Structures are given as structure tokens and as C-alpha cells.
Amino acid sequence: MDNRIVELASHELDLHPEARFDDIYKLFYQGTFGPKHIMEDQAVALRFLAEEIDCDEFDQVLWQDVSYMENFFRINLIIVKNRQVLIDDLFRALVASSRMGATISHDEWKEEWYRIDRVLRDALPEEIFTPESSMVVKEAVESEKLVHHSASYKRSYHPHYRVISREWFEKLIGTTY
């Protein structure tokens, strides 16, 4: 599992060199729990999805495997804006994927995260562990709060995506990615 931790984080930094520790935390969280958090209120989730598709700037990365404890992909909403995938199909994928995330307790996640943290601190460049991002992650882990992408990540990459299961990714995008 340590190899997967380093591989996943290193790939994120290859794709998004401005990522900080809180962005890496978000990646592992999404790769474990999928879109559960965003789908708690489906009406709100659909409204936010429609609003976000109307954005003018999107990341260059069309999709990204973020699988950690479960098999999930980030799918860039530019694909929906360009009508390569219909919003209704993506929303159906989100609903189904929100039922597929890991079912571990908060204490189990904390334990797993602190193991991930130790591996990352030995493997990644020191500059991603800013005091601000480290504090954001610590607060998130302790209080079960979600994190948003760092300001540098948002400014550099305009992350407008949703997380869906590998199964739904393959249905929507195909298996030849």
C-alpha cells in the first residue's frame, strides 16, 4: 500500500505541480470515499453541478484515476460542457457512485490518514507541506470536515470535476483511457 500512496501523490504532483498538502489530502479522501459528501443533498448537488458546468476555465486534465481504498476517477466537467457526456448521465453516475465509497469509521480513517501522512512526508518535496496546508489537513482529519483545494491549486488549475466510480467512468468514457 505504501507504493500506491507514493504513486498516487506523485502522479498528482506531476499533473498539478502547484498542489499543496491539503490538495493531496483531498485526493486520498476522494479516492477512499468518492462523492458521498457532495451527494448528501441531491437537489443541491445537481444545482451546483449545473452552475459549475457554466464556468469558463477548466483544468487541462480530462480525467484522473484517484483510486486509493476504492476505485474512483475525477472527471473534468469540460467533458459535460462540450456534451461528450450528458449532465443527466453524469448525475446518474454520481448518485450510484456515492453509494460505493469505503465504509470506515472516522477513527479508522484518521488512523489510515496518519499512516499515509508518514509515507508522504518521507517521499514528497518539503515545499508542499506549508504550515497553512498542514493546519487545514490536521483540522479536517480531527473534525471530519472536508477540505477545499488550496488557493494556489484553484488559481492554477480551475478544478471543476466530479468523482465517480471506475465502473461508471468506463460506462461514460470507455475502457481505452
Protein backbone atom coordinates (compact mmCIF):
# COMPACT_ATOMS: atom_id res chain seq x y z
CA MET A 1 0.00 0.00 0.00
CA ASP A 2 2.94 2.38 0.62
CA ASN A 3 3.83 2.17 -3.08
CA ARG A 4 0.26 3.16 -4.03
CA ILE A 5 0.43 6.13 -1.66
CA VAL A 6 3.62 7.44 -3.25
CA GLU A 7 2.40 6.64 -6.77
CA LEU A 8 -0.92 8.43 -6.30
CA ALA A 9 0.60 11.53 -4.69
CA SER A 10 3.48 11.71 -7.18
CA HIS A 11 1.09 11.46 -10.11
CA GLU A 12 -0.99 14.29 -8.66
CA LEU A 13 2.14 16.44 -8.38
CA ASP A 14 3.12 15.56 -11.96
CA LEU A 15 -0.30 16.70 -13.19
CA HIS A 16 -0.63 19.62 -10.78
CA PRO A 17 2.80 20.84 -9.58
CA GLU A 18 1.20 23.68 -7.59
CA ALA A 19 -0.68 21.19 -5.37
CA ARG A 20 -0.20 21.53 -1.64
CA PHE A 21 -0.70 19.10 1.22
CA ASP A 22 -4.44 19.88 1.51
CA ASP A 23 -4.85 19.06 -2.19
CA ILE A 24 -3.10 15.74 -1.63
CA TYR A 25 -5.36 15.05 1.36
CA LYS A 26 -8.42 15.78 -0.80
CA LEU A 27 -7.12 13.33 -3.41
CA PHE A 28 -6.83 10.48 -0.88
CA TYR A 29 -10.16 11.36 0.69
CA GLN A 30 -11.87 11.23 -2.71
CA GLY A 31 -10.06 8.01 -3.59
CA THR A 32 -11.47 6.45 -0.45
CA PHE A 33 -14.97 7.89 -0.05
CA GLY A 34 -15.85 9.02 -3.57
CA PRO A 35 -18.62 11.60 -3.99
CA LYS A 36 -20.57 10.73 -0.81
CA HIS A 37 -20.10 14.17 0.74
CA ILE A 38 -21.27 16.11 -2.31
CA MET A 39 -24.35 13.94 -2.80
CA GLU A 40 -25.88 14.28 0.66
CA ASP A 41 -28.48 16.69 -0.79
CA GLN A 42 -29.08 15.64 -4.39
CA ALA A 43 -31.05 18.76 -5.36
CA VAL A 44 -28.22 21.00 -4.19
CA ALA A 45 -25.67 18.72 -5.85
CA LEU A 46 -27.47 18.96 -9.19
CA ARG A 47 -27.74 22.74 -8.92
CA PHE A 48 -24.01 23.09 -8.14
CA LEU A 49 -23.15 20.73 -10.99
CA ALA A 50 -25.14 22.81 -13.49
CA GLU A 51 -23.58 26.05 -12.18
CA GLU A 52 -20.07 24.65 -12.36
CA ILE A 53 -20.51 23.44 -15.93
CA ASP A 54 -21.13 27.07 -16.89
CA CYS A 55 -17.60 28.05 -15.83
CA ASP A 56 -15.27 29.40 -18.48
CA GLU A 57 -11.98 27.93 -17.28
CA PHE A 58 -11.21 24.26 -16.71
CA ASP A 59 -8.20 22.16 -15.85
CA GLN A 60 -6.34 20.60 -18.78
CA VAL A 61 -6.60 17.13 -17.18
CA LEU A 62 -9.75 15.49 -18.54
CA TRP A 63 -9.81 12.63 -16.05
CA GLN A 64 -7.66 11.25 -13.32
CA ASP A 65 -7.57 7.94 -11.51
CA VAL A 66 -7.73 8.81 -7.79
CA SER A 67 -8.30 5.26 -6.57
CA TYR A 68 -6.97 4.60 -3.11
CA MET A 69 -9.14 2.42 -0.87
CA GLU A 70 -11.82 2.29 -3.57
CA ASN A 71 -11.82 2.72 -7.36
CA PHE A 72 -12.70 6.31 -8.27
CA PHE A 73 -11.93 8.75 -11.06
CA ARG A 74 -12.15 12.51 -11.26
CA ILE A 75 -13.93 13.55 -14.44
CA ASN A 76 -13.46 17.10 -15.70
CA LEU A 77 -16.74 18.95 -16.24
CA ILE A 78 -15.48 20.33 -19.56
CA ILE A 79 -16.46 16.91 -20.89
CA VAL A 80 -20.06 17.66 -19.92
CA LYS A 81 -19.90 21.27 -21.11
CA ASN A 82 -18.70 20.00 -24.51
CA ARG A 83 -21.53 17.42 -24.49
CA GLN A 84 -19.25 14.42 -24.69
CA VAL A 85 -21.14 13.21 -21.61
CA LEU A 86 -24.68 14.34 -20.81
CA ILE A 87 -25.31 16.02 -17.47
CA ASP A 88 -28.09 13.51 -16.70
CA ASP A 89 -25.71 10.60 -17.26
CA LEU A 90 -23.03 12.15 -15.06
CA PHE A 91 -25.57 12.83 -12.34
CA ARG A 92 -26.78 9.23 -12.50
CA ALA A 93 -23.13 8.18 -12.14
CA LEU A 94 -22.71 10.47 -9.13
CA VAL A 95 -25.77 9.07 -7.38
CA ALA A 96 -24.66 5.49 -7.95
CA SER A 97 -21.02 6.24 -7.07
CA SER A 98 -21.98 7.94 -3.82
CA ARG A 99 -23.12 4.53 -2.57
CA MET A 100 -19.78 2.87 -3.36
CA GLY A 101 -17.25 4.64 -1.14
CA ALA A 102 -15.44 2.97 1.73
CA THR A 103 -17.45 2.43 4.87
CA ILE A 104 -14.87 3.00 7.54
CA SER A 105 -15.30 4.86 10.79
CA HIS A 106 -13.86 8.28 11.48
CA ASP A 107 -11.27 6.72 13.80
CA GLU A 108 -10.27 4.19 11.13
CA TRP A 109 -9.89 6.97 8.58
CA LYS A 110 -7.78 9.03 10.99
CA GLU A 111 -5.52 6.06 11.58
CA GLU A 112 -5.21 5.41 7.85
CA TRP A 113 -4.61 9.08 7.08
CA TYR A 114 -1.82 9.40 9.65
CA ARG A 115 -0.16 6.35 8.07
CA ILE A 116 -0.48 8.00 4.65
CA ASP A 117 0.91 11.22 6.12
CA ARG A 118 4.05 9.46 7.38
CA VAL A 119 4.68 7.89 3.97
CA LEU A 120 4.10 11.20 2.16
CA ARG A 121 6.45 13.18 4.39
CA ASP A 122 9.25 10.75 3.54
CA ALA A 123 8.53 10.76 -0.19
CA LEU A 124 7.32 14.19 -1.32
CA PRO A 125 9.04 17.56 -1.66
CA GLU A 126 9.06 19.53 1.56
CA GLU A 127 7.55 22.64 -0.04
CA ILE A 128 4.09 21.10 -0.41
CA PHE A 129 3.82 20.83 3.39
CA THR A 130 3.20 24.52 4.05
CA PRO A 131 2.18 25.45 7.60
CA GLU A 132 -1.20 26.60 6.29
CA SER A 133 -1.93 23.41 4.34
CA SER A 134 -0.73 21.22 7.21
CA MET A 135 -3.09 23.04 9.58
CA VAL A 136 -6.02 22.70 7.17
CA VAL A 137 -5.41 18.95 6.91
CA LYS A 138 -4.99 18.47 10.65
CA GLU A 139 -8.28 20.28 11.34
CA ALA A 140 -10.07 18.30 8.63
CA VAL A 141 -8.85 14.94 9.92
CA GLU A 142 -9.66 15.71 13.54
CA SER A 143 -13.10 17.24 12.92
CA GLU A 144 -14.26 15.14 9.95
CA LYS A 145 -14.50 18.29 7.84
CA LEU A 146 -13.91 18.30 4.13
CA VAL A 147 -11.21 20.40 2.56
CA HIS A 148 -11.34 22.60 -0.50
CA HIS A 149 -8.48 22.86 -2.92
CA SER A 150 -5.74 25.28 -1.93
CA ALA A 151 -5.80 28.79 -3.36
CA SER A 152 -2.75 28.04 -5.50
CA TYR A 153 -4.42 24.91 -6.90
CA LYS A 154 -7.64 26.77 -7.72
CA ARG A 155 -5.77 29.66 -9.31
CA SER A 156 -3.51 27.40 -11.37
CA TYR A 157 -5.89 24.64 -12.46
CA HIS A 158 -9.53 25.73 -12.17
CA PRO A 159 -10.63 22.34 -10.81
CA HIS A 160 -14.17 21.70 -11.96
CA TYR A 161 -14.72 17.97 -11.77
CA ARG A 162 -16.75 15.26 -10.08
CA VAL A 163 -15.64 11.93 -8.66
CA ILE A 164 -17.30 8.79 -9.97
CA SER A 165 -16.65 5.07 -9.64
CA ARG A 166 -14.43 3.25 -12.12
CA GLU A 167 -17.48 1.29 -13.29
CA TRP A 168 -19.34 4.48 -14.18
CA PHE A 169 -16.21 6.07 -15.62
CA GLU A 170 -15.87 3.13 -18.00
CA LYS A 171 -19.56 3.42 -18.98
CA LEU A 172 -19.27 7.15 -19.68
CA ILE A 173 -15.74 7.43 -21.09
CA GLY A 174 -14.83 3.89 -22.10
CA THR A 175 -12.17 1.41 -21.13
CA THR A 176 -9.49 2.60 -23.55
CA TYR A 177 -8.35 5.56 -21.50
